[in-house]
Amino acid sequence: PDELNDVEDLIAFNRFDVRHVVPILRAHELEVKSSPSEKRYILVMPRGERNLLQAMSDERLSRDPEKIVYFVRDIVPAIIHLHNDHNILHSDLKPRNFVRIQGDWKLID
């Protein structure tokens, strides 16, 4: 949708393949006291174990070719899924926007 009007729209917007993209589990609408017509939401998503930036530092991921191949095999399908299946170009691909959940790398934001 061009505009998300309520919590149900947010959940319905959650149409991405969860093998590649972190799903929205629940959404809650917040009241903005200073601007009653403005809508804000709290999105509840599964907790990631760590992001790619942390893994690159702590696990020396960037120096292990096997781990790099594993990451690329997880994340390239996510980018292709967004682009080919949903006509979305993710414009903020960076290490912090990839998180590991139950051993699999997924795209956020």
PDB file of N, CA and C in Angstrom:
ATOM      1  N   PRO A   1       0.816  -1.197   0.000  1.00  0.00           N
ATOM      2  CA  PRO A   1       0.000   0.000   0.000  1.00  0.00           C
ATOM      3  C   PRO A   1       0.858   1.259   0.000  1.00  0.00           C
ATOM      4  N   ASP A   2       0.299   2.332  -0.553  1.00  0.00           N
ATOM      5  CA  ASP A   2       1.016   3.599  -0.560  1.00  0.00           C
ATOM      6  C   ASP A   2       1.099   4.194   0.831  1.00  0.00           C
ATOM      7  N   GLU A   3       0.050   3.979   1.633  1.00  0.00           N
ATOM      8  CA  GLU A   3       0.000   4.548   2.970  1.00  0.00           C
ATOM      9  C   GLU A   3      -0.542   3.492   3.922  1.00  0.00           C
ATOM     10  N   LEU A   4       0.070   3.399   5.088  1.00  0.00           N
ATOM     11  CA  LEU A   4      -0.401   2.476   6.108  1.00  0.00           C
ATOM     12  C   LEU A   4      -1.319   3.241   7.041  1.00  0.00           C
ATOM     13  N   ASN A   5      -2.586   2.815   7.126  1.00  0.00           N
ATOM     14  CA  ASN A   5      -3.576   3.576   7.879  1.00  0.00           C
ATOM     15  C   ASN A   5      -3.781   3.100   9.306  1.00  0.00           C
ATOM     16  N   ASP A   6      -3.495   1.848   9.585  1.00  0.00           N
ATOM     17  CA  ASP A   6      -3.706   1.352  10.937  1.00  0.00           C
ATOM     18  C   ASP A   6      -2.857   0.110  11.182  1.00  0.00           C
ATOM     19  N   VAL A   7      -2.988  -0.445  12.372  1.00  0.00           N
ATOM     20  CA  VAL A   7      -2.188  -1.601  12.765  1.00  0.00           C
ATOM     21  C   VAL A   7      -2.440  -2.780  11.827  1.00  0.00           C
ATOM     22  N   GLU A   8      -3.686  -2.997  11.416  1.00  0.00           N
ATOM     23  CA  GLU A   8      -3.995  -4.114  10.518  1.00  0.00           C
ATOM     24  C   GLU A   8      -3.261  -3.973   9.190  1.00  0.00           C
ATOM     25  N   ASP A   9      -3.158  -2.738   8.685  1.00  0.00           N
ATOM     26  CA  ASP A   9      -2.415  -2.511   7.443  1.00  0.00           C
ATOM     27  C   ASP A   9      -0.937  -2.882   7.619  1.00  0.00           C
ATOM     28  N   LEU A  10      -0.377  -2.557   8.784  1.00  0.00           N
ATOM     29  CA  LEU A  10       1.028  -2.890   9.036  1.00  0.00           C
ATOM     30  C   LEU A  10       1.243  -4.397   9.000  1.00  0.00           C
ATOM     31  N   ILE A  11       0.364  -5.125   9.653  1.00  0.00           N
ATOM     32  CA  ILE A  11       0.494  -6.585   9.672  1.00  0.00           C
ATOM     33  C   ILE A  11       0.293  -7.146   8.267  1.00  0.00           C
ATOM     34  N   ALA A  12      -0.691  -6.638   7.526  1.00  0.00           N
ATOM     35  CA  ALA A  12      -0.926  -7.092   6.154  1.00  0.00           C
ATOM     36  C   ALA A  12       0.255  -6.758   5.255  1.00  0.00           C
ATOM     37  N   PHE A  13       0.926  -5.640   5.531  1.00  0.00           N
ATOM     38  CA  PHE A  13       2.090  -5.217   4.754  1.00  0.00           C
ATOM     39  C   PHE A  13       3.237  -6.206   4.932  1.00  0.00           C
ATOM     40  N   ASN A  14       3.191  -7.001   5.971  1.00  0.00           N
ATOM     41  CA  ASN A  14       4.210  -7.984   6.304  1.00  0.00           C
ATOM     42  C   ASN A  14       4.095  -9.176   5.346  1.00  0.00           C
ATOM     43  N   ARG A  15       4.309  -8.932   4.082  1.00  0.00           N
ATOM     44  CA  ARG A  15       4.094  -9.941   3.047  1.00  0.00           C
ATOM     45  C   ARG A  15       5.385 -10.571   2.554  1.00  0.00           C
ATOM     46  N   PHE A  16       6.481 -10.246   3.184  1.00  0.00           N
ATOM     47  CA  PHE A  16       7.769 -10.711   2.696  1.00  0.00           C
ATOM     48  C   PHE A  16       8.054 -12.131   3.169  1.00  0.00           C
ATOM     49  N   ASP A  17       8.859 -12.814   2.415  1.00  0.00           N
ATOM     50  CA  ASP A  17       9.254 -14.180   2.732  1.00  0.00           C
ATOM     51  C   ASP A  17      10.129 -14.155   3.988  1.00  0.00           C
ATOM     52  N   VAL A  18       9.661 -14.775   5.065  1.00  0.00           N
ATOM     53  CA  VAL A  18      10.375 -14.707   6.349  1.00  0.00           C
ATOM     54  C   VAL A  18      11.695 -15.468   6.330  1.00  0.00           C
ATOM     55  N   ARG A  19      11.964 -16.221   5.266  1.00  0.00           N
ATOM     56  CA  ARG A  19      13.291 -16.836   5.164  1.00  0.00           C
ATOM     57  C   ARG A  19      14.348 -15.773   4.950  1.00  0.00           C
ATOM     58  N   HIS A  20      13.934 -14.597   4.442  1.00  0.00           N
ATOM     59  CA  HIS A  20      14.883 -13.558   4.070  1.00  0.00           C
ATOM     60  C   HIS A  20      14.747 -12.264   4.862  1.00  0.00           C
ATOM     61  N   VAL A  21      13.545 -11.971   5.327  1.00  0.00           N
ATOM     62  CA  VAL A  21      13.255 -10.687   5.950  1.00  0.00           C
ATOM     63  C   VAL A  21      12.639 -10.935   7.324  1.00  0.00           C
ATOM     64  N   VAL A  22      13.042 -10.156   8.311  1.00  0.00           N
ATOM     65  CA  VAL A  22      12.518 -10.318   9.670  1.00  0.00           C
ATOM     66  C   VAL A  22      11.029  -9.952   9.671  1.00  0.00           C
ATOM     67  N   PRO A  23      10.161 -10.840  10.162  1.00  0.00           N
ATOM     68  CA  PRO A  23       8.718 -10.570  10.133  1.00  0.00           C
ATOM     69  C   PRO A  23       8.263  -9.638  11.259  1.00  0.00           C
ATOM     70  N   ILE A  24       7.138  -8.994  11.031  1.00  0.00           N
ATOM     71  CA  ILE A  24       6.472  -8.220  12.072  1.00  0.00           C
ATOM     72  C   ILE A  24       5.537  -9.188  12.792  1.00  0.00           C
ATOM     73  N   LEU A  25       5.754  -9.384  14.092  1.00  0.00           N
ATOM     74  CA  LEU A  25       4.907 -10.297  14.863  1.00  0.00           C
ATOM     75  C   LEU A  25       3.644  -9.599  15.348  1.00  0.00           C
ATOM     76  N   ARG A  26       3.820  -8.364  15.826  1.00  0.00           N
ATOM     77  CA  ARG A  26       2.693  -7.559  16.313  1.00  0.00           C
ATOM     78  C   ARG A  26       3.009  -6.096  16.063  1.00  0.00           C
ATOM     79  N   ALA A  27       1.966  -5.295  16.033  1.00  0.00           N
ATOM     80  CA  ALA A  27       2.142  -3.850  15.901  1.00  0.00           C
ATOM     81  C   ALA A  27       1.160  -3.166  16.832  1.00  0.00           C
ATOM     82  N   HIS A  28       1.597  -2.093  17.456  1.00  0.00           N
ATOM     83  CA  HIS A  28       0.767  -1.324  18.372  1.00  0.00           C
ATOM     84  C   HIS A  28       0.813   0.140  17.958  1.00  0.00           C
ATOM     85  N   GLU A  29      -0.347   0.758  17.863  1.00  0.00           N
ATOM     86  CA  GLU A  29      -0.410   2.167  17.509  1.00  0.00           C
ATOM     87  C   GLU A  29      -0.220   3.016  18.759  1.00  0.00           C
ATOM     88  N   LEU A  30       0.553   4.077  18.634  1.00  0.00           N
ATOM     89  CA  LEU A  30       0.802   4.998  19.736  1.00  0.00           C
ATOM     90  C   LEU A  30       0.083   6.313  19.489  1.00  0.00           C
ATOM     91  N   GLU A  31      -0.358   6.923  20.537  1.00  0.00           N
ATOM     92  CA  GLU A  31      -0.953   8.250  20.446  1.00  0.00           C
ATOM     93  C   GLU A  31       0.161   9.287  20.610  1.00  0.00           C
ATOM     94  N   VAL A  32       0.209  10.231  19.701  1.00  0.00           N
ATOM     95  CA  VAL A  32       1.190  11.311  19.780  1.00  0.00           C
ATOM     96  C   VAL A  32       0.455  12.526  20.334  1.00  0.00           C
ATOM     97  N   LYS A  33       0.685  12.827  21.605  1.00  0.00           N
ATOM     98  CA  LYS A  33      -0.071  13.894  22.276  1.00  0.00           C
ATOM     99  C   LYS A  33       0.128  15.258  21.641  1.00  0.00           C
ATOM    100  N   SER A  34       1.319  15.537  21.154  1.00  0.00           N
ATOM    101  CA  SER A  34       1.586  16.850  20.562  1.00  0.00           C
ATOM    102  C   SER A  34       0.979  16.995  19.166  1.00  0.00           C
ATOM    103  N   SER A  35       0.625  15.870  18.550  1.00  0.00           N
ATOM    104  CA  SER A  35       0.061  15.905  17.201  1.00  0.00           C
ATOM    105  C   SER A  35      -0.915  14.743  17.042  1.00  0.00           C
ATOM    106  N   PRO A  36      -2.176  14.910  17.480  1.00  0.00           N
ATOM    107  CA  PRO A  36      -3.141  13.809  17.488  1.00  0.00           C
ATOM    108  C   PRO A  36      -3.376  13.143  16.128  1.00  0.00           C
ATOM    109  N   SER A  37      -3.165  13.865  15.033  1.00  0.00           N
ATOM    110  CA  SER A  37      -3.389  13.256  13.717  1.00  0.00           C
ATOM    111  C   SER A  37      -2.199  12.413  13.254  1.00  0.00           C
ATOM    112  N   GLU A  38      -1.065  12.575  13.918  1.00  0.00           N
ATOM    113  CA  GLU A  38       0.131  11.817  13.550  1.00  0.00           C
ATOM    114  C   GLU A  38       0.042  10.407  14.136  1.00  0.00           C
ATOM    115  N   LYS A  39       0.415   9.425  13.333  1.00  0.00           N
ATOM    116  CA  LYS A  39       0.392   8.038  13.802  1.00  0.00           C
ATOM    117  C   LYS A  39       1.814   7.513  13.925  1.00  0.00           C
ATOM    118  N   ARG A  40       2.055   6.826  15.023  1.00  0.00           N
ATOM    119  CA  ARG A  40       3.326   6.151  15.242  1.00  0.00           C
ATOM    120  C   ARG A  40       3.022   4.738  15.718  1.00  0.00           C
ATOM    121  N   TYR A  41       3.949   3.846  15.449  1.00  0.00           N
ATOM    122  CA  TYR A  41       3.718   2.449  15.772  1.00  0.00           C
ATOM    123  C   TYR A  41       4.930   1.854  16.482  1.00  0.00           C
ATOM    124  N   ILE A  42       4.651   0.884  17.325  1.00  0.00           N
ATOM    125  CA  ILE A  42       5.684   0.029  17.893  1.00  0.00           C
ATOM    126  C   ILE A  42       5.557  -1.293  17.161  1.00  0.00           C
ATOM    127  N   LEU A  43       6.641  -1.736  16.544  1.00  0.00           N
ATOM    128  CA  LEU A  43       6.639  -3.009  15.829  1.00  0.00           C
ATOM    129  C   LEU A  43       7.384  -4.041  16.656  1.00  0.00           C
ATOM    130  N   VAL A  44       6.782  -5.198  16.845  1.00  0.00           N
ATOM    131  CA  VAL A  44       7.401  -6.282  17.590  1.00  0.00           C
ATOM    132  C   VAL A  44       7.890  -7.312  16.579  1.00  0.00           C
ATOM    133  N   MET A  45       9.196  -7.577  16.625  1.00  0.00           N
ATOM    134  CA  MET A  45       9.831  -8.508  15.698  1.00  0.00           C
ATOM    135  C   MET A  45      10.675  -9.488  16.497  1.00  0.00           C
ATOM    136  N   PRO A  46      11.029 -10.626  15.914  1.00  0.00           N
ATOM    137  CA  PRO A  46      11.915 -11.549  16.631  1.00  0.00           C
ATOM    138  C   PRO A  46      13.246 -10.872  16.936  1.00  0.00           C
ATOM    139  N   ARG A  47      13.810 -11.231  18.061  1.00  0.00           N
ATOM    140  CA  ARG A  47      15.094 -10.645  18.463  1.00  0.00           C
ATOM    141  C   ARG A  47      16.231 -11.315  17.694  1.00  0.00           C
ATOM    142  N   GLY A  48      17.070 -10.500  17.100  1.00  0.00           N
ATOM    143  CA  GLY A  48      18.246 -11.021  16.414  1.00  0.00           C
ATOM    144  C   GLY A  48      19.351 -11.319  17.403  1.00  0.00           C
ATOM    145  N   GLU A  49      20.160 -12.313  17.086  1.00  0.00           N
ATOM    146  CA  GLU A  49      21.275 -12.668  17.963  1.00  0.00           C
ATOM    147  C   GLU A  49      22.363 -11.599  17.906  1.00  0.00           C
ATOM    148  N   ARG A  50      22.613 -11.093  16.710  1.00  0.00           N
ATOM    149  CA  ARG A  50      23.582 -10.020  16.509  1.00  0.00           C
ATOM    150  C   ARG A  50      23.486  -9.547  15.080  1.00  0.00           C
ATOM    151  N   ASN A  51      24.003  -8.359  14.841  1.00  0.00           N
ATOM    152  CA  ASN A  51      23.997  -7.867  13.471  1.00  0.00           C
ATOM    153  C   ASN A  51      25.340  -8.180  12.811  1.00  0.00           C
ATOM    154  N   LEU A  52      25.401  -7.953  11.520  1.00  0.00           N
ATOM    155  CA  LEU A  52      26.606  -8.293  10.763  1.00  0.00           C
ATOM    156  C   LEU A  52      27.819  -7.492  11.221  1.00  0.00           C
ATOM    157  N   LEU A  53      27.627  -6.242  11.591  1.00  0.00           N
ATOM    158  CA  LEU A  53      28.743  -5.428  12.059  1.00  0.00           C
ATOM    159  C   LEU A  53      29.374  -6.057  13.308  1.00  0.00           C
ATOM    160  N   GLN A  54      28.534  -6.513  14.233  1.00  0.00           N
ATOM    161  CA  GLN A  54      29.048  -7.175  15.438  1.00  0.00           C
ATOM    162  C   GLN A  54      29.780  -8.464  15.083  1.00  0.00           C
ATOM    163  N   ALA A  55      29.199  -9.236  14.167  1.00  0.00           N
ATOM    164  CA  ALA A  55      29.821 -10.504  13.778  1.00  0.00           C
ATOM    165  C   ALA A  55      31.156 -10.277  13.076  1.00  0.00           C
ATOM    166  N   MET A  56      31.231  -9.232  12.271  1.00  0.00           N
ATOM    167  CA  MET A  56      32.488  -8.939  11.579  1.00  0.00           C
ATOM    168  C   MET A  56      33.592  -8.621  12.581  1.00  0.00           C
ATOM    169  N   SER A  57      33.226  -7.956  13.664  1.00  0.00           N
ATOM    170  CA  SER A  57      34.198  -7.576  14.676  1.00  0.00           C
ATOM    171  C   SER A  57      34.500  -8.729  15.634  1.00  0.00           C
ATOM    172  N   ASP A  58      33.454  -9.262  16.261  1.00  0.00           N
ATOM    173  CA  ASP A  58      33.624 -10.261  17.319  1.00  0.00           C
ATOM    174  C   ASP A  58      34.022 -11.637  16.806  1.00  0.00           C
ATOM    175  N   GLU A  59      33.493 -12.019  15.654  1.00  0.00           N
ATOM    176  CA  GLU A  59      33.722 -13.376  15.144  1.00  0.00           C
ATOM    177  C   GLU A  59      34.734 -13.396  14.010  1.00  0.00           C
ATOM    178  N   ARG A  60      35.292 -12.234  13.704  1.00  0.00           N
ATOM    179  CA  ARG A  60      36.251 -12.127  12.605  1.00  0.00           C
ATOM    180  C   ARG A  60      35.652 -12.677  11.304  1.00  0.00           C
ATOM    181  N   LEU A  61      34.374 -12.413  11.140  1.00  0.00           N
ATOM    182  CA  LEU A  61      33.634 -12.922   9.982  1.00  0.00           C
ATOM    183  C   LEU A  61      34.265 -12.480   8.666  1.00  0.00           C
ATOM    184  N   SER A  62      34.757 -11.254   8.620  1.00  0.00           N
ATOM    185  CA  SER A  62      35.286 -10.723   7.367  1.00  0.00           C
ATOM    186  C   SER A  62      36.592 -11.391   6.942  1.00  0.00           C
ATOM    187  N   ARG A  63      37.174 -12.214   7.817  1.00  0.00           N
ATOM    188  CA  ARG A  63      38.449 -12.875   7.488  1.00  0.00           C
ATOM    189  C   ARG A  63      38.289 -14.371   7.237  1.00  0.00           C
ATOM    190  N   ASP A  64      37.061 -14.865   7.280  1.00  0.00           N
ATOM    191  CA  ASP A  64      36.823 -16.294   7.098  1.00  0.00           C
ATOM    192  C   ASP A  64      36.011 -16.508   5.816  1.00  0.00           C
ATOM    193  N   PRO A  65      36.661 -16.967   4.737  1.00  0.00           N
ATOM    194  CA  PRO A  65      35.961 -17.120   3.452  1.00  0.00           C
ATOM    195  C   PRO A  65      34.717 -18.015   3.529  1.00  0.00           C
ATOM    196  N   GLU A  66      34.767 -19.075   4.334  1.00  0.00           N
ATOM    197  CA  GLU A  66      33.601 -19.964   4.440  1.00  0.00           C
ATOM    198  C   GLU A  66      32.408 -19.241   5.065  1.00  0.00           C
ATOM    199  N   LYS A  67      32.660 -18.422   6.084  1.00  0.00           N
ATOM    200  CA  LYS A  67      31.575 -17.667   6.711  1.00  0.00           C
ATOM    201  C   LYS A  67      31.036 -16.601   5.768  1.00  0.00           C
ATOM    202  N   ILE A  68      31.911 -16.005   4.972  1.00  0.00           N
ATOM    203  CA  ILE A  68      31.468 -14.998   4.000  1.00  0.00           C
ATOM    204  C   ILE A  68      30.550 -15.640   2.974  1.00  0.00           C
ATOM    205  N   VAL A  69      30.921 -16.813   2.471  1.00  0.00           N
ATOM    206  CA  VAL A  69      30.081 -17.525   1.497  1.00  0.00           C
ATOM    207  C   VAL A  69      28.732 -17.861   2.119  1.00  0.00           C
ATOM    208  N   TYR A  70      28.717 -18.323   3.363  1.00  0.00           N
ATOM    209  CA  TYR A  70      27.462 -18.649   4.048  1.00  0.00           C
ATOM    210  C   TYR A  70      26.575 -17.405   4.160  1.00  0.00           C
ATOM    211  N   PHE A  71      27.170 -16.281   4.539  1.00  0.00           N
ATOM    212  CA  PHE A  71      26.419 -15.031   4.649  1.00  0.00           C
ATOM    213  C   PHE A  71      25.841 -14.631   3.296  1.00  0.00           C
ATOM    214  N   VAL A  72      26.666 -14.649   2.271  1.00  0.00           N
ATOM    215  CA  VAL A  72      26.212 -14.245   0.932  1.00  0.00           C
ATOM    216  C   VAL A  72      25.081 -15.149   0.456  1.00  0.00           C
ATOM    217  N   ARG A  73      25.172 -16.436   0.704  1.00  0.00           N
ATOM    218  CA  ARG A  73      24.096 -17.364   0.301  1.00  0.00           C
ATOM    219  C   ARG A  73      22.795 -17.078   1.040  1.00  0.00           C
ATOM    220  N   ASP A  74      22.874 -16.537   2.229  1.00  0.00           N
ATOM    221  CA  ASP A  74      21.667 -16.166   2.981  1.00  0.00           C
ATOM    222  C   ASP A  74      21.092 -14.833   2.508  1.00  0.00           C
ATOM    223  N   ILE A  75      21.949 -13.864   2.272  1.00  0.00           N
ATOM    224  CA  ILE A  75      21.468 -12.501   2.097  1.00  0.00           C
ATOM    225  C   ILE A  75      21.157 -12.130   0.649  1.00  0.00           C
ATOM    226  N   VAL A  76      21.862 -12.671  -0.318  1.00  0.00           N
ATOM    227  CA  VAL A  76      21.567 -12.344  -1.722  1.00  0.00           C
ATOM    228  C   VAL A  76      20.128 -12.716  -2.079  1.00  0.00           C
ATOM    229  N   PRO A  77      19.622 -13.882  -1.672  1.00  0.00           N
ATOM    230  CA  PRO A  77      18.208 -14.184  -1.968  1.00  0.00           C
ATOM    231  C   PRO A  77      17.239 -13.177  -1.346  1.00  0.00           C
ATOM    232  N   ALA A  78      17.603 -12.587  -0.200  1.00  0.00           N
ATOM    233  CA  ALA A  78      16.735 -11.573   0.415  1.00  0.00           C
ATOM    234  C   ALA A  78      16.639 -10.344  -0.470  1.00  0.00           C
ATOM    235  N   ILE A  79      17.766  -9.912  -0.993  1.00  0.00           N
ATOM    236  CA  ILE A  79      17.779  -8.727  -1.854  1.00  0.00           C
ATOM    237  C   ILE A  79      17.035  -9.020  -3.156  1.00  0.00           C
ATOM    238  N   ILE A  80      17.254 -10.187  -3.724  1.00  0.00           N
ATOM    239  CA  ILE A  80      16.545 -10.580  -4.956  1.00  0.00           C
ATOM    240  C   ILE A  80      15.045 -10.675  -4.688  1.00  0.00           C
ATOM    241  N   HIS A  81      14.660 -11.234  -3.537  1.00  0.00           N
ATOM    242  CA  HIS A  81      13.242 -11.366  -3.169  1.00  0.00           C
ATOM    243  C   HIS A  81      12.566  -9.996  -3.131  1.00  0.00           C
ATOM    244  N   LEU A  82      13.188  -9.038  -2.470  1.00  0.00           N
ATOM    245  CA  LEU A  82      12.596  -7.702  -2.392  1.00  0.00           C
ATOM    246  C   LEU A  82      12.493  -7.065  -3.775  1.00  0.00           C
ATOM    247  N   HIS A  83      13.550  -7.200  -4.561  1.00  0.00           N
ATOM    248  CA  HIS A  83      13.592  -6.542  -5.864  1.00  0.00           C
ATOM    249  C   HIS A  83      12.658  -7.217  -6.875  1.00  0.00           C
ATOM    250  N   ASN A  84      12.793  -8.516  -7.041  1.00  0.00           N
ATOM    251  CA  ASN A  84      12.027  -9.216  -8.078  1.00  0.00           C
ATOM    252  C   ASN A  84      10.574  -9.464  -7.698  1.00  0.00           C
ATOM    253  N   ASP A  85      10.329  -9.844  -6.444  1.00  0.00           N
ATOM    254  CA  ASP A  85       8.971 -10.213  -6.031  1.00  0.00           C
ATOM    255  C   ASP A  85       8.135  -9.023  -5.573  1.00  0.00           C
ATOM    256  N   HIS A  86       8.784  -7.948  -5.102  1.00  0.00           N
ATOM    257  CA  HIS A  86       8.031  -6.826  -4.540  1.00  0.00           C
ATOM    258  C   HIS A  86       8.405  -5.469  -5.141  1.00  0.00           C
ATOM    259  N   ASN A  87       9.292  -5.482  -6.115  1.00  0.00           N
ATOM    260  CA  ASN A  87       9.695  -4.250  -6.796  1.00  0.00           C
ATOM    261  C   ASN A  87      10.209  -3.190  -5.805  1.00  0.00           C
ATOM    262  N   ILE A  88      10.972  -3.661  -4.802  1.00  0.00           N
ATOM    263  CA  ILE A  88      11.533  -2.778  -3.775  1.00  0.00           C
ATOM    264  C   ILE A  88      13.046  -2.792  -3.892  1.00  0.00           C
ATOM    265  N   LEU A  89      13.612  -1.609  -3.909  1.00  0.00           N
ATOM    266  CA  LEU A  89      15.058  -1.464  -3.887  1.00  0.00           C
ATOM    267  C   LEU A  89      15.447  -0.978  -2.491  1.00  0.00           C
ATOM    268  N   HIS A  90      16.122  -1.823  -1.729  1.00  0.00           N
ATOM    269  CA  HIS A  90      16.559  -1.449  -0.380  1.00  0.00           C
ATOM    270  C   HIS A  90      17.702  -0.460  -0.527  1.00  0.00           C
ATOM    271  N   SER A  91      17.511   0.740  -0.025  1.00  0.00           N
ATOM    272  CA  SER A  91      18.502   1.796  -0.255  1.00  0.00           C
ATOM    273  C   SER A  91      19.449   2.005   0.926  1.00  0.00           C
ATOM    274  N   ASP A  92      19.407   1.114   1.908  1.00  0.00           N
ATOM    275  CA  ASP A  92      20.255   1.284   3.087  1.00  0.00           C
ATOM    276  C   ASP A  92      20.908  -0.038   3.478  1.00  0.00           C
ATOM    277  N   LEU A  93      21.567  -0.668   2.495  1.00  0.00           N
ATOM    278  CA  LEU A  93      22.252  -1.928   2.780  1.00  0.00           C
ATOM    279  C   LEU A  93      23.565  -1.621   3.484  1.00  0.00           C
ATOM    280  N   LYS A  94      23.645  -2.053   4.733  1.00  0.00           N
ATOM    281  CA  LYS A  94      24.853  -1.867   5.533  1.00  0.00           C
ATOM    282  C   LYS A  94      24.887  -2.969   6.577  1.00  0.00           C
ATOM    283  N   PRO A  95      26.048  -3.242   7.158  1.00  0.00           N
ATOM    284  CA  PRO A  95      26.165  -4.362   8.097  1.00  0.00           C
ATOM    285  C   PRO A  95      25.152  -4.350   9.245  1.00  0.00           C
ATOM    286  N   ARG A  96      24.774  -3.188   9.741  1.00  0.00           N
ATOM    287  CA  ARG A  96      23.812  -3.144  10.852  1.00  0.00           C
ATOM    288  C   ARG A  96      22.402  -3.568  10.430  1.00  0.00           C
ATOM    289  N   ASN A  97      22.124  -3.582   9.135  1.00  0.00           N
ATOM    290  CA  ASN A  97      20.785  -3.948   8.666  1.00  0.00           C
ATOM    291  C   ASN A  97      20.659  -5.419   8.286  1.00  0.00           C
ATOM    292  N   PHE A  98      21.649  -6.208   8.654  1.00  0.00           N
ATOM    293  CA  PHE A  98      21.567  -7.656   8.512  1.00  0.00           C
ATOM    294  C   PHE A  98      21.695  -8.241   9.909  1.00  0.00           C
ATOM    295  N   VAL A  99      20.740  -9.069  10.305  1.00  0.00           N
ATOM    296  CA  VAL A  99      20.786  -9.681  11.630  1.00  0.00           C
ATOM    297  C   VAL A  99      20.701 -11.189  11.501  1.00  0.00           C
ATOM    298  N   ARG A 100      21.309 -11.852  12.474  1.00  0.00           N
ATOM    299  CA  ARG A 100      21.257 -13.312  12.503  1.00  0.00           C
ATOM    300  C   ARG A 100      20.162 -13.729  13.470  1.00  0.00           C
ATOM    301  N   ILE A 101      19.251 -14.552  12.985  1.00  0.00           N
ATOM    302  CA  ILE A 101      18.165 -15.087  13.795  1.00  0.00           C
ATOM    303  C   ILE A 101      18.177 -16.597  13.606  1.00  0.00           C
ATOM    304  N   GLN A 102      18.384 -17.303  14.695  1.00  0.00           N
ATOM    305  CA  GLN A 102      18.455 -18.770  14.690  1.00  0.00           C
ATOM    306  C   GLN A 102      19.404 -19.267  13.612  1.00  0.00           C
ATOM    307  N   GLY A 103      20.554 -18.604  13.508  1.00  0.00           N
ATOM    308  CA  GLY A 103      21.599 -19.041  12.590  1.00  0.00           C
ATOM    309  C   GLY A 103      21.487 -18.543  11.164  1.00  0.00           C
ATOM    310  N   ASP A 104      20.385 -17.915  10.806  1.00  0.00           N
ATOM    311  CA  ASP A 104      20.178 -17.417   9.450  1.00  0.00           C
ATOM    312  C   ASP A 104      20.278 -15.907   9.416  1.00  0.00           C
ATOM    313  N   TRP A 105      20.940 -15.373   8.374  1.00  0.00           N
ATOM    314  CA  TRP A 105      21.024 -13.920   8.193  1.00  0.00           C
ATOM    315  C   TRP A 105      19.787 -13.412   7.515  1.00  0.00           C
ATOM    316  N   LYS A 106      19.230 -12.318   8.059  1.00  0.00           N
ATOM    317  CA  LYS A 106      18.009 -11.715   7.511  1.00  0.00           C
ATOM    318  C   LYS A 106      18.193 -10.222   7.399  1.00  0.00           C
ATOM    319  N   LEU A 107      17.398  -9.638   6.513  1.00  0.00           N
ATOM    320  CA  LEU A 107      17.453  -8.211   6.237  1.00  0.00           C
ATOM    321  C   LEU A 107      16.418  -7.486   7.083  1.00  0.00           C
ATOM    322  N   ILE A 108      16.810  -6.337   7.644  1.00  0.00           N
ATOM    323  CA  ILE A 108      15.879  -5.492   8.398  1.00  0.00           C
ATOM    324  C   ILE A 108      15.850  -4.108   7.780  1.00  0.00           C
ATOM    325  N   ASP A 109      15.010  -3.234   8.314  1.00  0.00           N
ATOM    326  CA  ASP A 109      14.851  -1.845   7.887  1.00  0.00           C
ATOM    327  C   ASP A 109      14.367  -1.773   6.468  1.00  0.00           C
TER     328      ASP A 109
END
